[in-house]
Amino acid sequence: MVFKIISMAALIVHYVCYYAKMLSQKMQGIRTDQIGKDKSGFSKFVEVAMKIAAILVVAAEIISIIHDANHSPFAVRIIGAAMCAAGIIIFIIAMLTMRDNRRAGVSKSDKTELVTNGIYRFSRNPAFLGFDLFDIGMLLMYFNPILCVLTAFAVIMYHLQIVYVEEEFLLETFGDEYTEYKKKVFRYFGRKR
């Protein structure tokens, strides 16, 4: 019962923050959800598949929580809860640092800044790192085959979004500034020497 409360609270906090930021930006006239919009080819495929993966993994997490579908030992579930909390914290810090530069998906028409301060000094993709930690933490709390497959699908699609859509867009948009940033900060966590 304790893990049900923890995991439901984590889901609520995580997605309330996500959608509250989107609503806040929408009220300012900023279209935050750019996933699959104004794109074609592989970029569109990756973004749409990522969105489907994110929806499916959340559905599997909710069903796993409701049915308490897990095969994890207590200690693993504790680690999962800690990872969920870390993921939420990292995601919130990333959103706050990005301010109104945050988008879900890439928008070539919106003018944004390259954010390299705050948490972005230690991770080029802290929002995705937060999502990964959150989803893997949920998997550890409610390990079952379906959730395992969908979590892997989501994590892979987040990675493909970063590598094949976002990094290409950032290089095209910010050029040398982004290249220099890539030389200093790892994709997920850490600074280079």
N, C-alpha and C. Protein backbone atom coordinates (compact mmCIF):
# COMPACT_ATOMS: atom_id res chain seq x y z
N MET A 1 0.82 -1.20 0.00
CA MET A 1 0.00 0.00 0.00
C MET A 1 0.86 1.27 0.00
N VAL A 2 1.99 1.21 0.71
CA VAL A 2 2.87 2.38 0.78
C VAL A 2 3.39 2.73 -0.61
N PHE A 3 3.77 1.72 -1.38
CA PHE A 3 4.30 1.98 -2.72
C PHE A 3 3.21 2.51 -3.65
N LYS A 4 1.98 2.09 -3.46
CA LYS A 4 0.88 2.64 -4.26
C LYS A 4 0.75 4.14 -4.01
N ILE A 5 0.80 4.53 -2.76
CA ILE A 5 0.68 5.95 -2.41
C ILE A 5 1.86 6.73 -2.97
N ILE A 6 3.07 6.21 -2.76
CA ILE A 6 4.27 6.89 -3.25
C ILE A 6 4.23 7.04 -4.77
N SER A 7 3.91 5.95 -5.46
CA SER A 7 3.95 5.98 -6.92
C SER A 7 2.83 6.83 -7.52
N MET A 8 1.65 6.78 -6.95
CA MET A 8 0.56 7.63 -7.45
C MET A 8 0.89 9.11 -7.21
N ALA A 9 1.43 9.40 -6.04
CA ALA A 9 1.83 10.78 -5.74
C ALA A 9 2.91 11.23 -6.72
N ALA A 10 3.86 10.36 -7.01
CA ALA A 10 4.93 10.69 -7.94
C ALA A 10 4.37 10.96 -9.33
N LEU A 11 3.47 10.11 -9.79
CA LEU A 11 2.85 10.33 -11.11
C LEU A 11 2.11 11.66 -11.15
N ILE A 12 1.34 11.93 -10.12
CA ILE A 12 0.57 13.17 -10.08
C ILE A 12 1.49 14.38 -10.09
N VAL A 13 2.50 14.40 -9.23
CA VAL A 13 3.42 15.54 -9.16
C VAL A 13 4.14 15.73 -10.49
N HIS A 14 4.65 14.63 -11.03
CA HIS A 14 5.43 14.70 -12.28
C HIS A 14 4.59 15.28 -13.42
N TYR A 15 3.40 14.75 -13.61
CA TYR A 15 2.60 15.19 -14.76
C TYR A 15 1.82 16.47 -14.50
N VAL A 16 1.53 16.80 -13.27
CA VAL A 16 0.94 18.12 -12.99
C VAL A 16 1.97 19.20 -13.33
N CYS A 17 3.23 18.98 -12.94
CA CYS A 17 4.29 19.95 -13.28
C CYS A 17 4.44 20.06 -14.79
N TYR A 18 4.45 18.93 -15.49
CA TYR A 18 4.59 18.91 -16.94
C TYR A 18 3.48 19.70 -17.62
N TYR A 19 2.23 19.40 -17.26
CA TYR A 19 1.10 20.05 -17.92
C TYR A 19 0.87 21.47 -17.41
N ALA A 20 1.23 21.77 -16.17
CA ALA A 20 1.12 23.15 -15.68
C ALA A 20 2.05 24.07 -16.46
N LYS A 21 3.26 23.57 -16.75
CA LYS A 21 4.20 24.37 -17.54
C LYS A 21 3.64 24.59 -18.95
N MET A 22 3.08 23.54 -19.55
CA MET A 22 2.49 23.68 -20.88
C MET A 22 1.36 24.70 -20.88
N LEU A 23 0.49 24.62 -19.86
CA LEU A 23 -0.63 25.55 -19.76
C LEU A 23 -0.14 26.98 -19.57
N SER A 24 0.86 27.15 -18.72
CA SER A 24 1.43 28.47 -18.49
C SER A 24 1.97 29.07 -19.79
N GLN A 25 2.66 28.26 -20.56
CA GLN A 25 3.19 28.75 -21.83
C GLN A 25 2.06 29.02 -22.83
N LYS A 26 1.06 28.16 -22.83
CA LYS A 26 -0.07 28.35 -23.75
C LYS A 26 -0.76 29.68 -23.46
N MET A 27 -0.89 30.03 -22.19
CA MET A 27 -1.53 31.29 -21.81
C MET A 27 -0.71 32.50 -22.26
N GLN A 28 0.59 32.28 -22.53
CA GLN A 28 1.45 33.35 -23.04
C GLN A 28 1.53 33.33 -24.56
N GLY A 29 0.76 32.42 -25.17
CA GLY A 29 0.77 32.32 -26.62
C GLY A 29 1.87 31.44 -27.18
N ILE A 30 2.51 30.65 -26.32
CA ILE A 30 3.59 29.76 -26.76
C ILE A 30 3.03 28.37 -26.95
N ARG A 31 3.22 27.82 -28.14
CA ARG A 31 2.76 26.45 -28.41
C ARG A 31 3.87 25.49 -27.98
N THR A 32 3.71 24.90 -26.81
CA THR A 32 4.75 24.06 -26.25
C THR A 32 4.82 22.69 -26.92
N ASP A 33 3.69 22.09 -27.20
CA ASP A 33 3.68 20.74 -27.79
C ASP A 33 3.96 20.83 -29.29
N GLN A 34 5.20 20.57 -29.64
CA GLN A 34 5.64 20.62 -31.04
C GLN A 34 5.90 19.22 -31.59
N ILE A 35 5.52 18.20 -30.84
CA ILE A 35 5.85 16.83 -31.22
C ILE A 35 5.14 16.46 -32.52
N GLY A 36 5.95 16.16 -33.54
CA GLY A 36 5.45 15.73 -34.84
C GLY A 36 4.88 16.82 -35.72
N LYS A 37 4.84 18.04 -35.21
CA LYS A 37 4.24 19.13 -35.98
C LYS A 37 5.27 19.76 -36.93
N ASP A 38 4.83 20.06 -38.14
CA ASP A 38 5.66 20.70 -39.15
C ASP A 38 6.95 19.92 -39.45
N LYS A 39 6.85 18.59 -39.40
CA LYS A 39 8.00 17.74 -39.67
C LYS A 39 7.63 16.67 -40.66
N SER A 40 8.65 16.03 -41.22
CA SER A 40 8.40 14.91 -42.12
C SER A 40 9.53 13.91 -41.97
N GLY A 41 9.38 12.78 -42.60
CA GLY A 41 10.43 11.77 -42.62
C GLY A 41 10.76 11.20 -41.26
N PHE A 42 12.04 10.93 -41.07
CA PHE A 42 12.51 10.26 -39.86
C PHE A 42 12.26 11.09 -38.60
N SER A 43 12.42 12.41 -38.70
CA SER A 43 12.18 13.28 -37.54
C SER A 43 10.75 13.16 -37.04
N LYS A 44 9.81 13.17 -37.97
CA LYS A 44 8.40 13.04 -37.59
C LYS A 44 8.15 11.65 -36.98
N PHE A 45 8.70 10.61 -37.61
CA PHE A 45 8.55 9.26 -37.08
C PHE A 45 9.05 9.16 -35.64
N VAL A 46 10.25 9.68 -35.39
CA VAL A 46 10.84 9.61 -34.05
C VAL A 46 9.98 10.35 -33.04
N GLU A 47 9.56 11.57 -33.38
CA GLU A 47 8.77 12.34 -32.43
C GLU A 47 7.42 11.69 -32.14
N VAL A 48 6.75 11.21 -33.17
CA VAL A 48 5.44 10.58 -32.96
C VAL A 48 5.60 9.28 -32.18
N ALA A 49 6.61 8.48 -32.53
CA ALA A 49 6.85 7.23 -31.80
C ALA A 49 7.21 7.50 -30.34
N MET A 50 7.97 8.59 -30.10
CA MET A 50 8.31 8.97 -28.73
C MET A 50 7.06 9.33 -27.93
N LYS A 51 6.16 10.08 -28.56
CA LYS A 51 4.92 10.47 -27.88
C LYS A 51 4.07 9.23 -27.56
N ILE A 52 3.97 8.32 -28.52
CA ILE A 52 3.22 7.08 -28.29
C ILE A 52 3.86 6.27 -27.16
N ALA A 53 5.19 6.18 -27.18
CA ALA A 53 5.90 5.45 -26.13
C ALA A 53 5.64 6.06 -24.75
N ALA A 54 5.68 7.39 -24.69
CA ALA A 54 5.44 8.09 -23.41
C ALA A 54 4.03 7.82 -22.90
N ILE A 55 3.06 7.86 -23.78
CA ILE A 55 1.66 7.61 -23.38
C ILE A 55 1.49 6.16 -22.92
N LEU A 56 2.06 5.23 -23.68
CA LEU A 56 1.94 3.81 -23.33
C LEU A 56 2.61 3.48 -22.00
N VAL A 57 3.78 4.05 -21.77
CA VAL A 57 4.47 3.73 -20.51
C VAL A 57 3.71 4.31 -19.32
N VAL A 58 3.12 5.48 -19.46
CA VAL A 58 2.32 6.04 -18.37
C VAL A 58 1.09 5.17 -18.11
N ALA A 59 0.44 4.72 -19.17
CA ALA A 59 -0.72 3.83 -19.01
C ALA A 59 -0.31 2.54 -18.30
N ALA A 60 0.82 1.98 -18.71
CA ALA A 60 1.30 0.74 -18.06
C ALA A 60 1.68 0.99 -16.60
N GLU A 61 2.24 2.16 -16.32
CA GLU A 61 2.57 2.49 -14.93
C GLU A 61 1.30 2.57 -14.08
N ILE A 62 0.29 3.24 -14.59
CA ILE A 62 -0.97 3.37 -13.85
C ILE A 62 -1.61 2.01 -13.62
N ILE A 63 -1.67 1.19 -14.65
CA ILE A 63 -2.27 -0.15 -14.52
C ILE A 63 -1.46 -1.00 -13.54
N SER A 64 -0.13 -0.90 -13.61
CA SER A 64 0.74 -1.65 -12.69
C SER A 64 0.50 -1.22 -11.24
N ILE A 65 0.32 0.07 -11.03
CA ILE A 65 0.07 0.57 -9.67
C ILE A 65 -1.29 0.08 -9.18
N ILE A 66 -2.31 0.23 -9.99
CA ILE A 66 -3.67 -0.17 -9.59
C ILE A 66 -3.72 -1.66 -9.23
N HIS A 67 -3.07 -2.48 -10.05
CA HIS A 67 -3.10 -3.93 -9.83
C HIS A 67 -1.94 -4.43 -8.98
N ASP A 68 -1.09 -3.50 -8.51
CA ASP A 68 0.09 -3.84 -7.72
C ASP A 68 0.88 -4.96 -8.41
N ALA A 69 1.03 -4.82 -9.73
CA ALA A 69 1.70 -5.82 -10.55
C ALA A 69 3.20 -5.64 -10.46
N ASN A 70 3.82 -6.38 -9.56
CA ASN A 70 5.27 -6.24 -9.42
C ASN A 70 5.90 -7.55 -9.00
N HIS A 71 7.16 -7.67 -9.38
CA HIS A 71 7.97 -8.83 -9.01
C HIS A 71 9.29 -8.34 -8.43
N SER A 72 9.27 -7.19 -7.78
CA SER A 72 10.48 -6.58 -7.25
C SER A 72 10.60 -6.80 -5.75
N PRO A 73 11.81 -7.11 -5.30
CA PRO A 73 12.04 -7.18 -3.85
C PRO A 73 11.89 -5.78 -3.22
N PHE A 74 11.65 -5.75 -1.94
CA PHE A 74 11.42 -4.50 -1.22
C PHE A 74 12.56 -3.51 -1.43
N ALA A 75 13.81 -3.95 -1.34
CA ALA A 75 14.96 -3.05 -1.49
C ALA A 75 14.99 -2.43 -2.88
N VAL A 76 14.64 -3.20 -3.90
CA VAL A 76 14.61 -2.68 -5.27
C VAL A 76 13.51 -1.65 -5.42
N ARG A 77 12.39 -1.89 -4.76
CA ARG A 77 11.29 -0.94 -4.81
C ARG A 77 11.68 0.39 -4.15
N ILE A 78 12.45 0.33 -3.08
CA ILE A 78 12.94 1.54 -2.41
C ILE A 78 13.85 2.32 -3.37
N ILE A 79 14.75 1.61 -4.04
CA ILE A 79 15.64 2.25 -5.01
C ILE A 79 14.80 2.90 -6.12
N GLY A 80 13.76 2.19 -6.57
CA GLY A 80 12.87 2.73 -7.59
C GLY A 80 12.18 4.00 -7.13
N ALA A 81 11.71 4.02 -5.90
CA ALA A 81 11.06 5.22 -5.36
C ALA A 81 12.04 6.40 -5.32
N ALA A 82 13.28 6.12 -4.92
CA ALA A 82 14.30 7.17 -4.88
C ALA A 82 14.60 7.69 -6.29
N MET A 83 14.65 6.78 -7.27
CA MET A 83 14.91 7.20 -8.65
C MET A 83 13.76 8.05 -9.18
N CYS A 84 12.53 7.67 -8.84
CA CYS A 84 11.37 8.48 -9.24
C CYS A 84 11.48 9.89 -8.68
N ALA A 85 11.80 9.98 -7.40
CA ALA A 85 11.92 11.29 -6.76
C ALA A 85 13.03 12.10 -7.41
N ALA A 86 14.17 11.46 -7.67
CA ALA A 86 15.29 12.16 -8.33
C ALA A 86 14.88 12.63 -9.72
N GLY A 87 14.16 11.78 -10.44
CA GLY A 87 13.70 12.15 -11.78
C GLY A 87 12.78 13.36 -11.77
N ILE A 88 11.87 13.38 -10.81
CA ILE A 88 10.95 14.52 -10.69
C ILE A 88 11.72 15.80 -10.38
N ILE A 89 12.64 15.72 -9.43
CA ILE A 89 13.41 16.90 -9.04
C ILE A 89 14.24 17.42 -10.22
N ILE A 90 14.92 16.52 -10.91
CA ILE A 90 15.75 16.93 -12.05
C ILE A 90 14.87 17.54 -13.14
N PHE A 91 13.73 16.92 -13.41
CA PHE A 91 12.83 17.43 -14.44
C PHE A 91 12.32 18.84 -14.08
N ILE A 92 11.92 19.04 -12.84
CA ILE A 92 11.42 20.35 -12.42
C ILE A 92 12.51 21.41 -12.51
N ILE A 93 13.71 21.07 -12.05
CA ILE A 93 14.82 22.02 -12.15
C ILE A 93 15.10 22.36 -13.61
N ALA A 94 15.06 21.36 -14.49
CA ALA A 94 15.29 21.59 -15.92
C ALA A 94 14.22 22.53 -16.49
N MET A 95 12.96 22.30 -16.13
CA MET A 95 11.88 23.16 -16.63
C MET A 95 12.04 24.59 -16.14
N LEU A 96 12.38 24.74 -14.87
CA LEU A 96 12.56 26.09 -14.32
C LEU A 96 13.74 26.79 -14.97
N THR A 97 14.81 26.06 -15.23
CA THR A 97 15.99 26.64 -15.86
C THR A 97 15.72 27.05 -17.30
N MET A 98 14.94 26.22 -18.01
CA MET A 98 14.62 26.51 -19.42
C MET A 98 13.70 27.72 -19.56
N ARG A 99 12.92 28.01 -18.52
CA ARG A 99 11.92 29.07 -18.57
C ARG A 99 11.03 28.88 -19.80
N ASP A 100 10.86 29.88 -20.61
CA ASP A 100 9.96 29.77 -21.76
C ASP A 100 10.64 29.24 -23.02
N ASN A 101 11.86 28.74 -22.89
CA ASN A 101 12.55 28.11 -24.01
C ASN A 101 12.18 26.64 -24.14
N ARG A 102 11.45 26.10 -23.19
CA ARG A 102 11.09 24.68 -23.18
C ARG A 102 10.04 24.37 -24.23
N ARG A 103 10.27 23.29 -24.96
CA ARG A 103 9.30 22.77 -25.91
C ARG A 103 9.28 21.25 -25.80
N ALA A 104 8.12 20.67 -26.06
CA ALA A 104 8.01 19.21 -26.20
C ALA A 104 8.11 18.97 -27.69
N GLY A 105 9.27 18.50 -28.13
CA GLY A 105 9.53 18.39 -29.55
C GLY A 105 10.28 19.61 -30.02
N VAL A 106 10.68 19.60 -31.27
CA VAL A 106 11.49 20.67 -31.84
C VAL A 106 10.60 21.60 -32.66
N SER A 107 10.81 22.90 -32.48
CA SER A 107 10.08 23.90 -33.26
C SER A 107 11.08 24.77 -34.00
N LYS A 108 11.07 24.66 -35.32
CA LYS A 108 11.98 25.49 -36.12
C LYS A 108 11.47 26.91 -36.28
N SER A 109 10.18 27.12 -36.02
CA SER A 109 9.61 28.46 -36.20
C SER A 109 9.72 29.33 -34.95
N ASP A 110 9.79 28.72 -33.77
CA ASP A 110 9.91 29.50 -32.53
C ASP A 110 11.36 29.90 -32.30
N LYS A 111 11.55 31.12 -31.88
CA LYS A 111 12.89 31.61 -31.56
C LYS A 111 13.15 31.32 -30.09
N THR A 112 14.13 30.47 -29.82
CA THR A 112 14.50 30.16 -28.44
C THR A 112 15.99 30.38 -28.26
N GLU A 113 16.42 30.34 -27.01
CA GLU A 113 17.83 30.51 -26.69
C GLU A 113 18.43 29.16 -26.35
N LEU A 114 19.74 29.03 -26.54
CA LEU A 114 20.46 27.84 -26.10
C LEU A 114 20.72 28.00 -24.61
N VAL A 115 20.15 27.13 -23.80
CA VAL A 115 20.29 27.22 -22.35
C VAL A 115 21.47 26.35 -21.93
N THR A 116 22.46 26.98 -21.27
CA THR A 116 23.66 26.26 -20.83
C THR A 116 23.98 26.52 -19.37
N ASN A 117 23.10 27.20 -18.68
CA ASN A 117 23.36 27.54 -17.27
C ASN A 117 22.60 26.58 -16.35
N GLY A 118 22.76 26.78 -15.06
CA GLY A 118 22.05 25.96 -14.07
C GLY A 118 22.36 24.48 -14.25
N ILE A 119 21.32 23.66 -14.22
CA ILE A 119 21.48 22.21 -14.35
C ILE A 119 22.04 21.82 -15.72
N TYR A 120 21.89 22.71 -16.70
CA TYR A 120 22.40 22.45 -18.04
C TYR A 120 23.93 22.55 -18.10
N ARG A 121 24.57 22.96 -17.02
CA ARG A 121 26.04 22.90 -16.95
C ARG A 121 26.51 21.47 -16.70
N PHE A 122 25.59 20.59 -16.26
CA PHE A 122 25.95 19.22 -15.90
C PHE A 122 25.26 18.17 -16.78
N SER A 123 24.30 18.59 -17.57
CA SER A 123 23.57 17.68 -18.46
C SER A 123 23.02 18.49 -19.62
N ARG A 124 23.24 17.99 -20.85
CA ARG A 124 22.66 18.69 -22.00
C ARG A 124 21.17 18.39 -22.12
N ASN A 125 20.72 17.33 -21.45
CA ASN A 125 19.32 16.91 -21.57
C ASN A 125 18.73 16.51 -20.21
N PRO A 126 18.73 17.42 -19.25
CA PRO A 126 18.24 17.03 -17.92
C PRO A 126 16.75 16.68 -17.88
N ALA A 127 15.93 17.28 -18.73
CA ALA A 127 14.50 16.93 -18.73
C ALA A 127 14.34 15.47 -19.15
N PHE A 128 15.06 15.05 -20.20
CA PHE A 128 15.00 13.64 -20.61
C PHE A 128 15.60 12.73 -19.55
N LEU A 129 16.69 13.17 -18.91
CA LEU A 129 17.27 12.41 -17.82
C LEU A 129 16.23 12.22 -16.71
N GLY A 130 15.49 13.28 -16.41
CA GLY A 130 14.43 13.19 -15.41
C GLY A 130 13.36 12.18 -15.80
N PHE A 131 12.93 12.22 -17.07
CA PHE A 131 11.95 11.24 -17.55
C PHE A 131 12.49 9.82 -17.45
N ASP A 132 13.75 9.62 -17.86
CA ASP A 132 14.36 8.29 -17.80
C ASP A 132 14.40 7.77 -16.36
N LEU A 133 14.89 8.60 -15.44
CA LEU A 133 14.97 8.18 -14.04
C LEU A 133 13.58 7.87 -13.48
N PHE A 134 12.62 8.71 -13.83
CA PHE A 134 11.26 8.51 -13.35
C PHE A 134 10.70 7.17 -13.86
N ASP A 135 10.80 6.93 -15.17
CA ASP A 135 10.24 5.70 -15.74
C ASP A 135 10.97 4.45 -15.26
N ILE A 136 12.30 4.53 -15.16
CA ILE A 136 13.05 3.37 -14.66
C ILE A 136 12.74 3.13 -13.19
N GLY A 137 12.58 4.22 -12.44
CA GLY A 137 12.18 4.08 -11.03
C GLY A 137 10.83 3.40 -10.89
N MET A 138 9.87 3.79 -11.72
CA MET A 138 8.55 3.13 -11.71
C MET A 138 8.70 1.65 -12.05
N LEU A 139 9.54 1.35 -13.04
CA LEU A 139 9.77 -0.04 -13.42
C LEU A 139 10.33 -0.83 -12.23
N LEU A 140 11.25 -0.24 -11.50
CA LEU A 140 11.82 -0.94 -10.36
C LEU A 140 10.79 -1.15 -9.25
N MET A 141 9.88 -0.22 -9.11
CA MET A 141 8.83 -0.39 -8.08
C MET A 141 7.78 -1.40 -8.50
N TYR A 142 7.52 -1.50 -9.81
CA TYR A 142 6.43 -2.36 -10.30
C TYR A 142 6.91 -3.24 -11.45
N PHE A 143 8.00 -3.94 -11.22
CA PHE A 143 8.59 -4.73 -12.30
C PHE A 143 7.63 -5.80 -12.77
N ASN A 144 7.30 -5.74 -14.06
CA ASN A 144 6.51 -6.77 -14.73
C ASN A 144 6.88 -6.71 -16.20
N PRO A 145 6.65 -7.79 -16.95
CA PRO A 145 7.13 -7.85 -18.34
C PRO A 145 6.60 -6.73 -19.24
N ILE A 146 5.33 -6.41 -19.13
CA ILE A 146 4.76 -5.38 -20.01
C ILE A 146 5.37 -4.02 -19.70
N LEU A 147 5.46 -3.68 -18.44
CA LEU A 147 6.06 -2.39 -18.06
C LEU A 147 7.53 -2.35 -18.47
N CYS A 148 8.21 -3.46 -18.36
CA CYS A 148 9.63 -3.53 -18.75
C CYS A 148 9.79 -3.21 -20.24
N VAL A 149 9.00 -3.84 -21.08
CA VAL A 149 9.08 -3.61 -22.53
C VAL A 149 8.72 -2.16 -22.86
N LEU A 150 7.66 -1.64 -22.27
CA LEU A 150 7.24 -0.27 -22.58
C LEU A 150 8.22 0.77 -22.04
N THR A 151 8.82 0.50 -20.89
CA THR A 151 9.84 1.42 -20.36
C THR A 151 11.04 1.45 -21.27
N ALA A 152 11.48 0.28 -21.72
CA ALA A 152 12.62 0.21 -22.65
C ALA A 152 12.28 0.96 -23.93
N PHE A 153 11.08 0.77 -24.46
CA PHE A 153 10.63 1.48 -25.67
C PHE A 153 10.69 2.98 -25.46
N ALA A 154 10.18 3.45 -24.32
CA ALA A 154 10.17 4.89 -24.05
C ALA A 154 11.59 5.44 -23.93
N VAL A 155 12.44 4.78 -23.18
CA VAL A 155 13.82 5.25 -22.98
C VAL A 155 14.56 5.30 -24.33
N ILE A 156 14.36 4.27 -25.15
CA ILE A 156 15.00 4.26 -26.47
C ILE A 156 14.48 5.40 -27.34
N MET A 157 13.18 5.64 -27.32
CA MET A 157 12.62 6.71 -28.14
C MET A 157 13.07 8.09 -27.64
N TYR A 158 13.18 8.28 -26.32
CA TYR A 158 13.71 9.55 -25.80
C TYR A 158 15.12 9.76 -26.33
N HIS A 159 15.93 8.69 -26.30
CA HIS A 159 17.31 8.79 -26.77
C HIS A 159 17.35 9.13 -28.26
N LEU A 160 16.53 8.45 -29.06
CA LEU A 160 16.50 8.73 -30.50
C LEU A 160 16.05 10.17 -30.76
N GLN A 161 15.12 10.66 -29.96
CA GLN A 161 14.68 12.06 -30.08
C GLN A 161 15.85 13.01 -29.87
N ILE A 162 16.63 12.73 -28.85
CA ILE A 162 17.78 13.58 -28.55
C ILE A 162 18.80 13.52 -29.69
N VAL A 163 19.21 12.31 -30.07
CA VAL A 163 20.31 12.13 -31.01
C VAL A 163 19.95 12.54 -32.44
N TYR A 164 18.76 12.14 -32.90
CA TYR A 164 18.42 12.35 -34.31
C TYR A 164 17.53 13.56 -34.60
N VAL A 165 16.95 14.14 -33.57
CA VAL A 165 16.08 15.29 -33.82
C VAL A 165 16.64 16.53 -33.12
N GLU A 166 16.75 16.47 -31.80
CA GLU A 166 17.13 17.67 -31.05
C GLU A 166 18.57 18.10 -31.31
N GLU A 167 19.52 17.15 -31.27
CA GLU A 167 20.91 17.55 -31.46
C GLU A 167 21.14 18.10 -32.86
N GLU A 168 20.51 17.52 -33.85
CA GLU A 168 20.64 18.04 -35.22
C GLU A 168 20.05 19.45 -35.31
N PHE A 169 18.89 19.64 -34.68
CA PHE A 169 18.25 20.96 -34.68
C PHE A 169 19.14 21.99 -33.97
N LEU A 170 19.68 21.63 -32.81
CA LEU A 170 20.50 22.57 -32.05
C LEU A 170 21.78 22.92 -32.80
N LEU A 171 22.38 21.94 -33.46
CA LEU A 171 23.58 22.21 -34.25
C LEU A 171 23.27 23.13 -35.42
N GLU A 172 22.16 22.88 -36.08
CA GLU A 172 21.74 23.71 -37.22
C GLU A 172 21.39 25.13 -36.76
N THR A 173 20.74 25.25 -35.61
CA THR A 173 20.28 26.55 -35.12
C THR A 173 21.37 27.37 -34.44
N PHE A 174 22.19 26.70 -33.61
CA PHE A 174 23.16 27.44 -32.80
C PHE A 174 24.62 27.24 -33.23
N GLY A 175 24.86 26.34 -34.17
CA GLY A 175 26.18 26.16 -34.76
C GLY A 175 27.31 25.97 -33.77
N ASP A 176 28.33 26.85 -33.87
CA ASP A 176 29.54 26.72 -33.05
C ASP A 176 29.25 26.82 -31.56
N GLU A 177 28.26 27.62 -31.20
CA GLU A 177 27.91 27.75 -29.77
C GLU A 177 27.49 26.39 -29.21
N TYR A 178 26.69 25.64 -29.96
CA TYR A 178 26.26 24.32 -29.52
C TYR A 178 27.42 23.32 -29.57
N THR A 179 28.25 23.42 -30.59
CA THR A 179 29.41 22.53 -30.70
C THR A 179 30.32 22.69 -29.49
N GLU A 180 30.58 23.92 -29.10
CA GLU A 180 31.41 24.18 -27.92
C GLU A 180 30.76 23.64 -26.64
N TYR A 181 29.47 23.82 -26.54
CA TYR A 181 28.72 23.31 -25.38
C TYR A 181 28.82 21.79 -25.32
N LYS A 182 28.68 21.11 -26.46
CA LYS A 182 28.79 19.65 -26.52
C LYS A 182 30.16 19.17 -26.07
N LYS A 183 31.19 19.98 -26.33
CA LYS A 183 32.55 19.60 -25.93
C LYS A 183 32.73 19.64 -24.41
N LYS A 184 31.88 20.40 -23.71
CA LYS A 184 32.04 20.60 -22.27
C LYS A 184 31.12 19.74 -21.42
N VAL A 185 29.94 19.40 -21.94
CA VAL A 185 28.91 18.74 -21.12
C VAL A 185 28.44 17.46 -21.80
N PHE A 186 28.34 16.39 -21.01
CA PHE A 186 27.86 15.12 -21.54
C PHE A 186 26.37 15.19 -21.86
N ARG A 187 25.93 14.28 -22.70
CA ARG A 187 24.53 14.24 -23.14
C ARG A 187 23.59 14.06 -21.95
N TYR A 188 23.91 13.17 -21.03
CA TYR A 188 22.99 12.90 -19.92
C TYR A 188 23.50 13.45 -18.59
N PHE A 189 24.75 13.19 -18.24
CA PHE A 189 25.21 13.70 -16.95
C PHE A 189 26.73 13.78 -16.89
N GLY A 190 27.22 14.91 -16.48
CA GLY A 190 28.64 15.08 -16.25
C GLY A 190 29.27 16.12 -17.17
N ARG A 191 30.39 16.63 -16.69
CA ARG A 191 31.17 17.60 -17.47
C ARG A 191 32.43 16.93 -17.98
N LYS A 192 32.84 17.32 -19.17
CA LYS A 192 34.07 16.80 -19.75
C LYS A 192 35.23 17.64 -19.28
N ARG A 193 36.39 17.10 -19.34
CA ARG A 193 37.58 17.84 -18.90
C ARG A 193 38.03 18.80 -19.96
